[in-house]
């Protein structure tokens, strides 16, 4: 699954730690999401979308192998 979390964070000028605090997960979770090693739960995906004030679909994109 592709995502644009890093790009969205840059737009808001926030760190992985800042986003982790807002979403109530660890910094390591955000790092794992950004590098594609972790697929978020629905709740985490919705919280991330809320922080960025956008839709889940604009942040996360399924790849053919998903």
C-alpha atoms as a PDB file:
ATOM      1  CA  UNK A   1       0.000   0.000   0.000  1.00  0.00           C
ATOM      2  CA  UNK A   2       1.371   3.382  -1.009  1.00  0.00           C
ATOM      3  CA  UNK A   3       0.887   6.474   1.104  1.00  0.00           C
ATOM      4  CA  UNK A   4       1.660  10.181   1.098  1.00  0.00           C
ATOM      5  CA  UNK A   5       2.136  10.644   4.831  1.00  0.00           C
ATOM      6  CA  UNK A   6       5.649  12.067   4.493  1.00  0.00           C
ATOM      7  CA  UNK A   7       4.488  14.597   1.893  1.00  0.00           C
ATOM      8  CA  UNK A   8       1.478  15.591   3.986  1.00  0.00           C
ATOM      9  CA  UNK A   9       3.675  16.006   7.077  1.00  0.00           C
ATOM     10  CA  UNK A  10       5.998  18.281   5.108  1.00  0.00           C
ATOM     11  CA  UNK A  11       3.053  20.457   4.040  1.00  0.00           C
ATOM     12  CA  UNK A  12       2.163  20.994   7.702  1.00  0.00           C
ATOM     13  CA  UNK A  13       5.811  21.170   8.769  1.00  0.00           C
ATOM     14  CA  UNK A  14       5.337  18.517  11.465  1.00  0.00           C
ATOM     15  CA  UNK A  15       7.658  15.717  12.545  1.00  0.00           C
ATOM     16  CA  UNK A  16       6.926  12.022  12.814  1.00  0.00           C
ATOM     17  CA  UNK A  17       6.751  12.537  16.582  1.00  0.00           C
ATOM     18  CA  UNK A  18       4.232  15.364  16.191  1.00  0.00           C
ATOM     19  CA  UNK A  19       2.003  13.218  13.991  1.00  0.00           C
ATOM     20  CA  UNK A  20       2.383  10.250  16.337  1.00  0.00           C
ATOM     21  CA  UNK A  21       1.217  12.390  19.261  1.00  0.00           C
ATOM     22  CA  UNK A  22      -1.811  13.626  17.318  1.00  0.00           C
ATOM     23  CA  UNK A  23      -2.762  10.103  16.216  1.00  0.00           C
ATOM     24  CA  UNK A  24      -1.895   8.547  19.596  1.00  0.00           C
ATOM     25  CA  UNK A  25       0.600   6.014  18.259  1.00  0.00           C
ATOM     26  CA  UNK A  26       4.368   5.688  18.543  1.00  0.00           C
ATOM     27  CA  UNK A  27       6.869   7.484  16.335  1.00  0.00           C
ATOM     28  CA  UNK A  28       7.991   4.033  15.194  1.00  0.00           C
ATOM     29  CA  UNK A  29       4.465   3.328  13.939  1.00  0.00           C
ATOM     30  CA  UNK A  30       4.513   6.482  11.815  1.00  0.00           C
ATOM     31  CA  UNK A  31       7.955   5.557  10.486  1.00  0.00           C
ATOM     32  CA  UNK A  32       6.741   2.041   9.636  1.00  0.00           C
ATOM     33  CA  UNK A  33       3.702   3.464   7.852  1.00  0.00           C
ATOM     34  CA  UNK A  34       5.798   5.889   5.816  1.00  0.00           C
ATOM     35  CA  UNK A  35       8.197   3.170   4.715  1.00  0.00           C
ATOM     36  CA  UNK A  36       5.393   0.764   3.829  1.00  0.00           C
ATOM     37  CA  UNK A  37       6.296  -1.840   6.441  1.00  0.00           C
ATOM     38  CA  UNK A  38       2.987  -1.470   8.267  1.00  0.00           C
ATOM     39  CA  UNK A  39      -0.586  -1.214   6.975  1.00  0.00           C
ATOM     40  CA  UNK A  40      -2.710   0.929   9.279  1.00  0.00           C
ATOM     41  CA  UNK A  41      -5.894  -0.106  10.943  1.00  0.00           C
ATOM     42  CA  UNK A  42      -9.021   1.709   9.850  1.00  0.00           C
ATOM     43  CA  UNK A  43      -8.964   3.785  13.024  1.00  0.00           C
ATOM     44  CA  UNK A  44      -5.350   4.902  12.527  1.00  0.00           C
ATOM     45  CA  UNK A  45      -5.977   5.704   8.852  1.00  0.00           C
ATOM     46  CA  UNK A  46      -9.008   7.811   9.774  1.00  0.00           C
ATOM     47  CA  UNK A  47      -7.100   9.649  12.500  1.00  0.00           C
ATOM     48  CA  UNK A  48      -4.259  10.429  10.090  1.00  0.00           C
ATOM     49  CA  UNK A  49      -6.726  11.708   7.494  1.00  0.00           C
ATOM     50  CA  UNK A  50      -8.338  13.900  10.145  1.00  0.00           C
ATOM     51  CA  UNK A  51      -4.983  15.442  11.097  1.00  0.00           C
ATOM     52  CA  UNK A  52      -4.317  16.256   7.437  1.00  0.00           C
ATOM     53  CA  UNK A  53      -7.945  17.369   6.907  1.00  0.00           C
ATOM     54  CA  UNK A  54      -8.400  15.128   3.896  1.00  0.00           C
ATOM     55  CA  UNK A  55      -9.783  11.717   2.969  1.00  0.00           C
ATOM     56  CA  UNK A  56      -8.201   8.357   3.655  1.00  0.00           C
ATOM     57  CA  UNK A  57      -8.197   7.691  -0.097  1.00  0.00           C
ATOM     58  CA  UNK A  58      -6.049  10.757  -0.745  1.00  0.00           C
ATOM     59  CA  UNK A  59      -3.378   9.478   1.655  1.00  0.00           C
ATOM     60  CA  UNK A  60      -3.469   5.710   1.129  1.00  0.00           C
ATOM     61  CA  UNK A  61      -3.552   3.929  -2.221  1.00  0.00           C
ATOM     62  CA  UNK A  62      -3.814   0.216  -2.869  1.00  0.00           C
ATOM     63  CA  UNK A  63      -1.190  -1.272  -5.143  1.00  0.00           C
ATOM     64  CA  UNK A  64      -1.995  -4.133  -7.578  1.00  0.00           C
ATOM     65  CA  UNK A  65      -0.335  -6.698  -5.298  1.00  0.00           C
ATOM     66  CA  UNK A  66      -2.504  -5.611  -2.356  1.00  0.00           C
END
